[in-house]
PDB file of N, CA and C in Angstrom:
ATOM      1  N   MET A   1      14.330  -1.070   4.267  1.00  0.00           N
ATOM      2  CA  MET A   1      14.755  -1.273   5.636  1.00  0.00           C
ATOM      3  C   MET A   1      14.304  -0.061   6.457  1.00  0.00           C
ATOM      4  N   GLN A   2      13.730  -0.332   7.614  1.00  0.00           N
ATOM      5  CA  GLN A   2      13.326   0.766   8.486  1.00  0.00           C
ATOM      6  C   GLN A   2      14.427   1.058   9.501  1.00  0.00           C
ATOM      7  N   GLU A   3      14.364   2.236  10.090  1.00  0.00           N
ATOM      8  CA  GLU A   3      15.376   2.626  11.061  1.00  0.00           C
ATOM      9  C   GLU A   3      15.401   1.657  12.239  1.00  0.00           C
ATOM     10  N   HIS A   4      16.554   1.555  12.871  1.00  0.00           N
ATOM     11  CA  HIS A   4      16.716   0.673  14.026  1.00  0.00           C
ATOM     12  C   HIS A   4      15.893   1.215  15.189  1.00  0.00           C
ATOM     13  N   ARG A   5      14.972   0.413  15.718  1.00  0.00           N
ATOM     14  CA  ARG A   5      14.067   0.868  16.773  1.00  0.00           C
ATOM     15  C   ARG A   5      14.181   0.043  18.042  1.00  0.00           C
ATOM     16  N   ARG A   6      14.907  -1.062  17.999  1.00  0.00           N
ATOM     17  CA  ARG A   6      14.970  -1.937  19.172  1.00  0.00           C
ATOM     18  C   ARG A   6      15.630  -1.288  20.374  1.00  0.00           C
ATOM     19  N   SER A   7      16.565  -0.363  20.134  1.00  0.00           N
ATOM     20  CA  SER A   7      17.220   0.305  21.261  1.00  0.00           C
ATOM     21  C   SER A   7      16.249   1.212  22.020  1.00  0.00           C
ATOM     22  N   LYS A   8      15.094   1.510  21.434  1.00  0.00           N
ATOM     23  CA  LYS A   8      14.081   2.358  22.075  1.00  0.00           C
ATOM     24  C   LYS A   8      12.908   1.533  22.600  1.00  0.00           C
ATOM     25  N   ARG A   9      13.073   0.220  22.645  1.00  0.00           N
ATOM     26  CA  ARG A   9      11.993  -0.664  23.080  1.00  0.00           C
ATOM     27  C   ARG A   9      11.533  -0.331  24.500  1.00  0.00           C
ATOM     28  N   HIS A  10      12.466   0.053  25.370  1.00  0.00           N
ATOM     29  CA  HIS A  10      12.098   0.400  26.744  1.00  0.00           C
ATOM     30  C   HIS A  10      11.207   1.641  26.813  1.00  0.00           C
ATOM     31  N   LEU A  11      11.166   2.422  25.741  1.00  0.00           N
ATOM     32  CA  LEU A  11      10.290   3.601  25.673  1.00  0.00           C
ATOM     33  C   LEU A  11       8.939   3.262  25.038  1.00  0.00           C
ATOM     34  N   GLY A  12       8.728   1.986  24.733  1.00  0.00           N
ATOM     35  CA  GLY A  12       7.478   1.570  24.120  1.00  0.00           C
ATOM     36  C   GLY A  12       7.479   1.668  22.608  1.00  0.00           C
ATOM     37  N   VAL A  13       8.639   1.954  22.003  1.00  0.00           N
ATOM     38  CA  VAL A  13       8.737   2.055  20.548  1.00  0.00           C
ATOM     39  C   VAL A  13       8.852   0.646  19.970  1.00  0.00           C
ATOM     40  N   ARG A  14       8.010   0.342  18.998  1.00  0.00           N
ATOM     41  CA  ARG A  14       8.001  -0.991  18.391  1.00  0.00           C
ATOM     42  C   ARG A  14       8.334  -0.885  16.912  1.00  0.00           C
ATOM     43  N   MET A  15       8.692  -2.012  16.341  1.00  0.00           N
ATOM     44  CA  MET A  15       8.942  -2.058  14.909  1.00  0.00           C
ATOM     45  C   MET A  15       7.626  -1.790  14.174  1.00  0.00           C
ATOM     46  N   LEU A  16       7.692  -1.043  13.094  1.00  0.00           N
ATOM     47  CA  LEU A  16       6.519  -0.760  12.285  1.00  0.00           C
ATOM     48  C   LEU A  16       6.268  -1.916  11.328  1.00  0.00           C
ATOM     49  N   GLN A  17       5.033  -2.128  10.951  1.00  0.00           N
ATOM     50  CA  GLN A  17       4.717  -3.094   9.903  1.00  0.00           C
ATOM     51  C   GLN A  17       4.966  -2.379   8.578  1.00  0.00           C
ATOM     52  N   ILE A  18       5.931  -2.874   7.817  1.00  0.00           N
ATOM     53  CA  ILE A  18       6.346  -2.169   6.606  1.00  0.00           C
ATOM     54  C   ILE A  18       6.200  -3.042   5.364  1.00  0.00           C
ATOM     55  N   GLY A  19       6.209  -2.386   4.230  1.00  0.00           N
ATOM     56  CA  GLY A  19       6.164  -3.040   2.935  1.00  0.00           C
ATOM     57  C   GLY A  19       6.437  -2.002   1.853  1.00  0.00           C
ATOM     58  N   PHE A  20       6.391  -2.423   0.607  1.00  0.00           N
ATOM     59  CA  PHE A  20       6.568  -1.478  -0.490  1.00  0.00           C
ATOM     60  C   PHE A  20       5.898  -2.020  -1.741  1.00  0.00           C
ATOM     61  N   VAL A  21       5.647  -1.112  -2.673  1.00  0.00           N
ATOM     62  CA  VAL A  21       5.133  -1.472  -3.990  1.00  0.00           C
ATOM     63  C   VAL A  21       5.973  -0.757  -5.040  1.00  0.00           C
ATOM     64  N   ILE A  22       5.982  -1.316  -6.231  1.00  0.00           N
ATOM     65  CA  ILE A  22       6.734  -0.733  -7.346  1.00  0.00           C
ATOM     66  C   ILE A  22       5.773  -0.512  -8.502  1.00  0.00           C
ATOM     67  N   TYR A  23       5.773   0.703  -9.028  1.00  0.00           N
ATOM     68  CA  TYR A  23       4.939   1.051 -10.177  1.00  0.00           C
ATOM     69  C   TYR A  23       5.825   1.528 -11.321  1.00  0.00           C
ATOM     70  N   LYS A  24       5.460   1.178 -12.534  1.00  0.00           N
ATOM     71  CA  LYS A  24       6.161   1.686 -13.704  1.00  0.00           C
ATOM     72  C   LYS A  24       5.655   3.094 -13.979  1.00  0.00           C
ATOM     73  N   THR A  25       6.530   3.960 -14.468  1.00  0.00           N
ATOM     74  CA  THR A  25       6.158   5.337 -14.762  1.00  0.00           C
ATOM     75  C   THR A  25       6.844   5.797 -16.040  1.00  0.00           C
ATOM     76  N   THR A  26       6.302   6.822 -16.654  1.00  0.00           N
ATOM     77  CA  THR A  26       6.946   7.412 -17.829  1.00  0.00           C
ATOM     78  C   THR A  26       7.751   8.646 -17.451  1.00  0.00           C
ATOM     79  N   ASP A  27       7.473   9.218 -16.291  1.00  0.00           N
ATOM     80  CA  ASP A  27       8.184  10.419 -15.833  1.00  0.00           C
ATOM     81  C   ASP A  27       8.791  10.156 -14.462  1.00  0.00           C
ATOM     82  N   PRO A  28      10.073   9.824 -14.402  1.00  0.00           N
ATOM     83  CA  PRO A  28      10.700   9.485 -13.128  1.00  0.00           C
ATOM     84  C   PRO A  28      11.010  10.683 -12.231  1.00  0.00           C
ATOM     85  N   THR A  29      10.650  11.886 -12.656  1.00  0.00           N
ATOM     86  CA  THR A  29      10.978  13.070 -11.858  1.00  0.00           C
ATOM     87  C   THR A  29       9.803  13.610 -11.060  1.00  0.00           C
ATOM     88  N   THR A  30       8.604  13.082 -11.296  1.00  0.00           N
ATOM     89  CA  THR A  30       7.439  13.602 -10.575  1.00  0.00           C
ATOM     90  C   THR A  30       6.709  12.485  -9.847  1.00  0.00           C
ATOM     91  N   ARG A  31       6.024  12.858  -8.791  1.00  0.00           N
ATOM     92  CA  ARG A  31       5.234  11.899  -8.006  1.00  0.00           C
ATOM     93  C   ARG A  31       4.058  11.406  -8.839  1.00  0.00           C
ATOM     94  N   LEU A  32       3.655  10.174  -8.598  1.00  0.00           N
ATOM     95  CA  LEU A  32       2.509   9.619  -9.319  1.00  0.00           C
ATOM     96  C   LEU A  32       1.222  10.249  -8.798  1.00  0.00           C
ATOM     97  N   PRO A  33       0.328  10.666  -9.698  1.00  0.00           N
ATOM     98  CA  PRO A  33      -0.954  11.212  -9.245  1.00  0.00           C
ATOM     99  C   PRO A  33      -1.839  10.087  -8.704  1.00  0.00           C
ATOM    100  N   VAL A  34      -2.785  10.422  -7.872  1.00  0.00           N
ATOM    101  CA  VAL A  34      -3.687   9.433  -7.286  1.00  0.00           C
ATOM    102  C   VAL A  34      -4.386   8.620  -8.377  1.00  0.00           C
ATOM    103  N   SER A  35      -4.742   9.256  -9.478  1.00  0.00           N
ATOM    104  CA  SER A  35      -5.440   8.560 -10.567  1.00  0.00           C
ATOM    105  C   SER A  35      -4.603   7.421 -11.148  1.00  0.00           C
ATOM    106  N   HIS A  36      -3.282   7.502 -11.050  1.00  0.00           N
ATOM    107  CA  HIS A  36      -2.404   6.443 -11.567  1.00  0.00           C
ATOM    108  C   HIS A  36      -2.707   5.099 -10.895  1.00  0.00           C
ATOM    109  N   PHE A  37      -2.989   5.124  -9.612  1.00  0.00           N
ATOM    110  CA  PHE A  37      -3.213   3.897  -8.851  1.00  0.00           C
ATOM    111  C   PHE A  37      -4.554   3.235  -9.189  1.00  0.00           C
ATOM    112  N   TYR A  38      -5.497   4.009  -9.736  1.00  0.00           N
ATOM    113  CA  TYR A  38      -6.785   3.458 -10.145  1.00  0.00           C
ATOM    114  C   TYR A  38      -6.690   2.700 -11.464  1.00  0.00           C
ATOM    115  N   HIS A  39      -5.708   3.059 -12.287  1.00  0.00           N
ATOM    116  CA  HIS A  39      -5.654   2.538 -13.648  1.00  0.00           C
ATOM    117  C   HIS A  39      -4.439   1.673 -13.949  1.00  0.00           C
ATOM    118  N   HIS A  40      -3.549   1.492 -12.994  1.00  0.00           N
ATOM    119  CA  HIS A  40      -2.331   0.708 -13.233  1.00  0.00           C
ATOM    120  C   HIS A  40      -2.091  -0.280 -12.102  1.00  0.00           C
ATOM    121  N   TYR A  41      -1.713  -1.479 -12.482  1.00  0.00           N
ATOM    122  CA  TYR A  41      -1.328  -2.482 -11.498  1.00  0.00           C
ATOM    123  C   TYR A  41       0.114  -2.251 -11.092  1.00  0.00           C
ATOM    124  N   GLU A  42       0.464  -2.700  -9.895  1.00  0.00           N
ATOM    125  CA  GLU A  42       1.854  -2.598  -9.474  1.00  0.00           C
ATOM    126  C   GLU A  42       2.697  -3.609 -10.255  1.00  0.00           C
ATOM    127  N   GLU A  43       3.958  -3.287 -10.427  1.00  0.00           N
ATOM    128  CA  GLU A  43       4.902  -4.180 -11.109  1.00  0.00           C
ATOM    129  C   GLU A  43       5.530  -5.158 -10.121  1.00  0.00           C
ATOM    130  N   GLY A  44       5.463  -4.824  -8.861  1.00  0.00           N
ATOM    131  CA  GLY A  44       6.024  -5.691  -7.836  1.00  0.00           C
ATOM    132  C   GLY A  44       5.610  -5.214  -6.460  1.00  0.00           C
ATOM    133  N   THR A  45       5.688  -6.113  -5.494  1.00  0.00           N
ATOM    134  CA  THR A  45       5.333  -5.780  -4.116  1.00  0.00           C
ATOM    135  C   THR A  45       6.137  -6.656  -3.166  1.00  0.00           C
ATOM    136  N   SER A  46       6.346  -6.152  -1.973  1.00  0.00           N
ATOM    137  CA  SER A  46       7.056  -6.937  -0.957  1.00  0.00           C
ATOM    138  C   SER A  46       6.139  -7.961  -0.313  1.00  0.00           C
ATOM    139  N   GLY A  47       4.857  -7.888  -0.616  1.00  0.00           N
ATOM    140  CA  GLY A  47       3.899  -8.839  -0.050  1.00  0.00           C
ATOM    141  C   GLY A  47       3.237  -8.277   1.198  1.00  0.00           C
ATOM    142  N   THR A  48       2.903  -9.159   2.111  1.00  0.00           N
ATOM    143  CA  THR A  48       2.219  -8.781   3.349  1.00  0.00           C
ATOM    144  C   THR A  48       3.080  -7.836   4.177  1.00  0.00           C
ATOM    145  N   TYR A  49       2.462  -6.798   4.723  1.00  0.00           N
ATOM    146  CA  TYR A  49       3.179  -5.891   5.624  1.00  0.00           C
ATOM    147  C   TYR A  49       3.561  -6.670   6.883  1.00  0.00           C
ATOM    148  N   ILE A  50       4.800  -6.481   7.338  1.00  0.00           N
ATOM    149  CA  ILE A  50       5.294  -7.267   8.465  1.00  0.00           C
ATOM    150  C   ILE A  50       6.208  -6.403   9.326  1.00  0.00           C
ATOM    151  N   ASN A  51       6.274  -6.707  10.613  1.00  0.00           N
ATOM    152  CA  ASN A  51       7.061  -5.869  11.525  1.00  0.00           C
ATOM    153  C   ASN A  51       8.502  -6.381  11.647  1.00  0.00           C
ATOM    154  N   PHE A  52       9.155  -6.580  10.506  1.00  0.00           N
ATOM    155  CA  PHE A  52      10.577  -6.904  10.465  1.00  0.00           C
ATOM    156  C   PHE A  52      11.358  -5.625  10.200  1.00  0.00           C
ATOM    157  N   ARG A  53      12.644  -5.667  10.455  1.00  0.00           N
ATOM    158  CA  ARG A  53      13.475  -4.497  10.176  1.00  0.00           C
ATOM    159  C   ARG A  53      13.549  -4.240   8.678  1.00  0.00           C
ATOM    160  N   GLU A  54      13.572  -5.314   7.890  1.00  0.00           N
ATOM    161  CA  GLU A  54      13.635  -5.120   6.452  1.00  0.00           C
ATOM    162  C   GLU A  54      12.769  -6.126   5.718  1.00  0.00           C
ATOM    163  N   VAL A  55      12.294  -5.715   4.565  1.00  0.00           N
ATOM    164  CA  VAL A  55      11.538  -6.583   3.674  1.00  0.00           C
ATOM    165  C   VAL A  55      12.227  -6.537   2.312  1.00  0.00           C
ATOM    166  N   LEU A  56      12.036  -7.583   1.534  1.00  0.00           N
ATOM    167  CA  LEU A  56      12.709  -7.604   0.237  1.00  0.00           C
ATOM    168  C   LEU A  56      11.850  -8.266  -0.816  1.00  0.00           C
ATOM    169  N   MET A  57      12.252  -8.037  -2.051  1.00  0.00           N
ATOM    170  CA  MET A  57      11.591  -8.634  -3.199  1.00  0.00           C
ATOM    171  C   MET A  57      12.669  -8.908  -4.232  1.00  0.00           C
ATOM    172  N   ARG A  58      12.611 -10.065  -4.841  1.00  0.00           N
ATOM    173  CA  ARG A  58      13.516 -10.379  -5.939  1.00  0.00           C
ATOM    174  C   ARG A  58      12.655 -10.514  -7.184  1.00  0.00           C
ATOM    175  N   SER A  59      13.017  -9.770  -8.220  1.00  0.00           N
ATOM    176  CA  SER A  59      12.191  -9.752  -9.416  1.00  0.00           C
ATOM    177  C   SER A  59      13.021  -9.317 -10.609  1.00  0.00           C
ATOM    178  N   GLU A  60      12.547  -9.656 -11.784  1.00  0.00           N
ATOM    179  CA  GLU A  60      13.141  -9.146 -13.020  1.00  0.00           C
ATOM    180  C   GLU A  60      12.154  -8.168 -13.626  1.00  0.00           C
ATOM    181  N   LEU A  61      12.584  -6.926 -13.762  1.00  0.00           N
ATOM    182  CA  LEU A  61      11.732  -5.879 -14.323  1.00  0.00           C
ATOM    183  C   LEU A  61      12.223  -5.529 -15.717  1.00  0.00           C
ATOM    184  N   GLU A  62      11.296  -5.188 -16.582  1.00  0.00           N
ATOM    185  CA  GLU A  62      11.647  -4.734 -17.922  1.00  0.00           C
ATOM    186  C   GLU A  62      12.387  -3.401 -17.809  1.00  0.00           C
ATOM    187  N   PRO A  63      13.287  -3.090 -18.753  1.00  0.00           N
ATOM    188  CA  PRO A  63      13.947  -1.776 -18.731  1.00  0.00           C
ATOM    189  C   PRO A  63      12.899  -0.669 -18.741  1.00  0.00           C
ATOM    190  N   GLY A  64      13.153   0.378 -17.996  1.00  0.00           N
ATOM    191  CA  GLY A  64      12.227   1.499 -17.926  1.00  0.00           C
ATOM    192  C   GLY A  64      12.399   2.265 -16.639  1.00  0.00           C
ATOM    193  N   HIS A  65      11.423   3.092 -16.335  1.00  0.00           N
ATOM    194  CA  HIS A  65      11.442   3.918 -15.128  1.00  0.00           C
ATOM    195  C   HIS A  65      10.406   3.381 -14.148  1.00  0.00           C
ATOM    196  N   TYR A  66      10.797   3.327 -12.870  1.00  0.00           N
ATOM    197  CA  TYR A  66       9.921   2.782 -11.837  1.00  0.00           C
ATOM    198  C   TYR A  66       9.928   3.686 -10.611  1.00  0.00           C
ATOM    199  N   VAL A  67       8.842   3.625  -9.859  1.00  0.00           N
ATOM    200  CA  VAL A  67       8.729   4.336  -8.591  1.00  0.00           C
ATOM    201  C   VAL A  67       8.557   3.278  -7.497  1.00  0.00           C
ATOM    202  N   ILE A  68       9.417   3.337  -6.489  1.00  0.00           N
ATOM    203  CA  ILE A  68       9.320   2.441  -5.335  1.00  0.00           C
ATOM    204  C   ILE A  68       8.663   3.231  -4.214  1.00  0.00           C
ATOM    205  N   ILE A  69       7.575   2.696  -3.673  1.00  0.00           N
ATOM    206  CA  ILE A  69       6.846   3.406  -2.619  1.00  0.00           C
ATOM    207  C   ILE A  69       6.907   2.586  -1.335  1.00  0.00           C
ATOM    208  N   PRO A  70       7.809   2.967  -0.397  1.00  0.00           N
ATOM    209  CA  PRO A  70       7.818   2.290   0.912  1.00  0.00           C
ATOM    210  C   PRO A  70       6.663   2.822   1.750  1.00  0.00           C
ATOM    211  N   ALA A  71       6.104   1.960   2.598  1.00  0.00           N
ATOM    212  CA  ALA A  71       4.940   2.389   3.373  1.00  0.00           C
ATOM    213  C   ALA A  71       4.835   1.602   4.671  1.00  0.00           C
ATOM    214  N   THR A  72       4.089   2.183   5.594  1.00  0.00           N
ATOM    215  CA  THR A  72       3.732   1.490   6.826  1.00  0.00           C
ATOM    216  C   THR A  72       2.292   1.002   6.681  1.00  0.00           C
ATOM    217  N   PHE A  73       1.952  -0.056   7.383  1.00  0.00           N
ATOM    218  CA  PHE A  73       0.594  -0.602   7.308  1.00  0.00           C
ATOM    219  C   PHE A  73      -0.418   0.353   7.924  1.00  0.00           C
ATOM    220  N   GLN A  74      -0.076   0.929   9.063  1.00  0.00           N
ATOM    221  CA  GLN A  74      -0.967   1.867   9.738  1.00  0.00           C
ATOM    222  C   GLN A  74      -0.957   3.204   8.999  1.00  0.00           C
ATOM    223  N   PRO A  75      -2.130   3.759   8.674  1.00  0.00           N
ATOM    224  CA  PRO A  75      -2.157   5.069   8.017  1.00  0.00           C
ATOM    225  C   PRO A  75      -1.635   6.166   8.940  1.00  0.00           C
ATOM    226  N   ASN A  76      -1.057   7.181   8.333  1.00  0.00           N
ATOM    227  CA  ASN A  76      -0.532   8.347   9.048  1.00  0.00           C
ATOM    228  C   ASN A  76       0.508   7.988  10.100  1.00  0.00           C
ATOM    229  N   CYS A  77       1.267   6.952   9.847  1.00  0.00           N
ATOM    230  CA  CYS A  77       2.328   6.515  10.761  1.00  0.00           C
ATOM    231  C   CYS A  77       3.656   6.748  10.054  1.00  0.00           C
ATOM    232  N   ALA A  78       4.321   7.828  10.410  1.00  0.00           N
ATOM    233  CA  ALA A  78       5.560   8.197   9.725  1.00  0.00           C
ATOM    234  C   ALA A  78       6.677   7.206  10.035  1.00  0.00           C
ATOM    235  N   GLY A  79       7.477   6.933   9.049  1.00  0.00           N
ATOM    236  CA  GLY A  79       8.623   6.049   9.222  1.00  0.00           C
ATOM    237  C   GLY A  79       9.786   6.539   8.376  1.00  0.00           C
ATOM    238  N   HIS A  80      10.989   6.155   8.759  1.00  0.00           N
ATOM    239  CA  HIS A  80      12.188   6.484   7.993  1.00  0.00           C
ATOM    240  C   HIS A  80      12.689   5.191   7.371  1.00  0.00           C
ATOM    241  N   PHE A  81      12.960   5.247   6.063  1.00  0.00           N
ATOM    242  CA  PHE A  81      13.326   4.049   5.331  1.00  0.00           C
ATOM    243  C   PHE A  81      14.627   4.227   4.575  1.00  0.00           C
ATOM    244  N   MET A  82      15.314   3.115   4.351  1.00  0.00           N
ATOM    245  CA  MET A  82      16.447   3.067   3.446  1.00  0.00           C
ATOM    246  C   MET A  82      16.063   2.071   2.361  1.00  0.00           C
ATOM    247  N   VAL A  83      16.314   2.430   1.115  1.00  0.00           N
ATOM    248  CA  VAL A  83      15.980   1.563  -0.013  1.00  0.00           C
ATOM    249  C   VAL A  83      17.274   1.141  -0.692  1.00  0.00           C
ATOM    250  N   ARG A  84      17.421  -0.167  -0.939  1.00  0.00           N
ATOM    251  CA  ARG A  84      18.573  -0.702  -1.673  1.00  0.00           C
ATOM    252  C   ARG A  84      18.051  -1.396  -2.921  1.00  0.00           C
ATOM    253  N   VAL A  85      18.742  -1.169  -4.027  1.00  0.00           N
ATOM    254  CA  VAL A  85      18.378  -1.811  -5.280  1.00  0.00           C
ATOM    255  C   VAL A  85      19.649  -2.413  -5.876  1.00  0.00           C
ATOM    256  N   TYR A  86      19.558  -3.667  -6.272  1.00  0.00           N
ATOM    257  CA  TYR A  86      20.678  -4.357  -6.901  1.00  0.00           C
ATOM    258  C   TYR A  86      20.300  -4.695  -8.331  1.00  0.00           C
ATOM    259  N   SER A  87      21.280  -4.587  -9.238  1.00  0.00           N
ATOM    260  CA  SER A  87      21.032  -4.896 -10.637  1.00  0.00           C
ATOM    261  C   SER A  87      22.342  -5.296 -11.296  1.00  0.00           C
ATOM    262  N   PRO A  88      22.282  -6.233 -12.242  1.00  0.00           N
ATOM    263  CA  PRO A  88      23.502  -6.571 -12.982  1.00  0.00           C
ATOM    264  C   PRO A  88      23.863  -5.477 -13.992  1.00  0.00           C
ATOM    265  N   GLU A  89      22.943  -4.589 -14.284  1.00  0.00           N
ATOM    266  CA  GLU A  89      23.160  -3.489 -15.232  1.00  0.00           C
ATOM    267  C   GLU A  89      23.239  -2.161 -14.484  1.00  0.00           C
ATOM    268  N   ARG A  90      23.856  -1.172 -15.112  1.00  0.00           N
ATOM    269  CA  ARG A  90      23.919   0.167 -14.524  1.00  0.00           C
ATOM    270  C   ARG A  90      22.518   0.767 -14.468  1.00  0.00           C
ATOM    271  N   PHE A  91      22.268   1.536 -13.418  1.00  0.00           N
ATOM    272  CA  PHE A  91      20.988   2.230 -13.296  1.00  0.00           C
ATOM    273  C   PHE A  91      21.194   3.454 -12.437  1.00  0.00           C
ATOM    274  N   GLU A  92      20.210   4.322 -12.445  1.00  0.00           N
ATOM    275  CA  GLU A  92      20.261   5.542 -11.643  1.00  0.00           C
ATOM    276  C   GLU A  92      19.068   5.540 -10.694  1.00  0.00           C
ATOM    277  N   LEU A  93      19.334   5.866  -9.447  1.00  0.00           N
ATOM    278  CA  LEU A  93      18.287   5.897  -8.422  1.00  0.00           C
ATOM    279  C   LEU A  93      18.234   7.308  -7.852  1.00  0.00           C
ATOM    280  N   SER A  94      17.043   7.884  -7.774  1.00  0.00           N
ATOM    281  CA  SER A  94      16.906   9.225  -7.205  1.00  0.00           C
ATOM    282  C   SER A  94      15.625   9.305  -6.391  1.00  0.00           C
ATOM    283  N   ARG A  95      15.612  10.249  -5.489  1.00  0.00           N
ATOM    284  CA  ARG A  95      14.464  10.463  -4.617  1.00  0.00           C
ATOM    285  C   ARG A  95      13.560  11.539  -5.209  1.00  0.00           C
ATOM    286  N   ILE A  96      12.263  11.296  -5.168  1.00  0.00           N
ATOM    287  CA  ILE A  96      11.300  12.308  -5.606  1.00  0.00           C
ATOM    288  C   ILE A  96      10.848  13.032  -4.349  1.00  0.00           C
ATOM    289  N   GLU A  97      11.186  14.288  -4.257  1.00  0.00           N
ATOM    290  CA  GLU A  97      10.864  15.066  -3.053  1.00  0.00           C
ATOM    291  C   GLU A  97       9.384  15.394  -2.988  1.00  0.00           C
ATOM    292  N   ARG A  98       8.897  15.505  -1.760  1.00  0.00           N
ATOM    293  CA  ARG A  98       7.522  15.927  -1.506  1.00  0.00           C
ATOM    294  C   ARG A  98       7.390  17.415  -1.767  1.00  0.00           C
ATOM    295  N   LYS A  99       6.255  17.799  -2.300  1.00  0.00           N
ATOM    296  CA  LYS A  99       5.966  19.221  -2.445  1.00  0.00           C
ATOM    297  C   LYS A  99       5.497  19.749  -1.098  1.00  0.00           C
ATOM    298  N   LYS A 100       5.689  21.020  -0.861  1.00  0.00           N
ATOM    299  CA  LYS A 100       5.318  21.631   0.423  1.00  0.00           C
ATOM    300  C   LYS A 100       3.852  21.403   0.787  1.00  0.00           C
ATOM    301  N   GLU A 101       2.935  21.493  -0.192  1.00  0.00           N
ATOM    302  CA  GLU A 101       1.517  21.349   0.107  1.00  0.00           C
ATOM    303  C   GLU A 101       1.133  19.901   0.448  1.00  0.00           C
ATOM    304  N   GLU A 102       2.013  18.912   0.174  1.00  0.00           N
ATOM    305  CA  GLU A 102       1.726  17.511   0.479  1.00  0.00           C
ATOM    306  C   GLU A 102       2.132  17.141   1.895  1.00  0.00           C
ATOM    307  N   GLU A 103       2.896  17.964   2.566  1.00  0.00           N
ATOM    308  CA  GLU A 103       3.385  17.634   3.909  1.00  0.00           C
ATOM    309  C   GLU A 103       2.342  17.821   4.973  1.00  0.00           C
TER     310      GLU A 103
END
């Protein structure tokens, strides 16, 4: 879900085209290197990027560690996102922080 932007419509602020992908990982504490995307398919995706407030995906994933990557369609277009995950089993969700040199 992206931040609420409709209240700023009079300032020319529009909803961003958003989506996400999910990749399986063996190390849930570090960011995926660029080479990972060349050699691994995504485990799930929200589909086409769309300018809705929220996008969703319903899927059954094998037990393991995953990285959810929210994104905007336009490159270099910063957005603020909230991620919700539902599961019938207990799980732990954590944020992987950006390193200073990546900002």
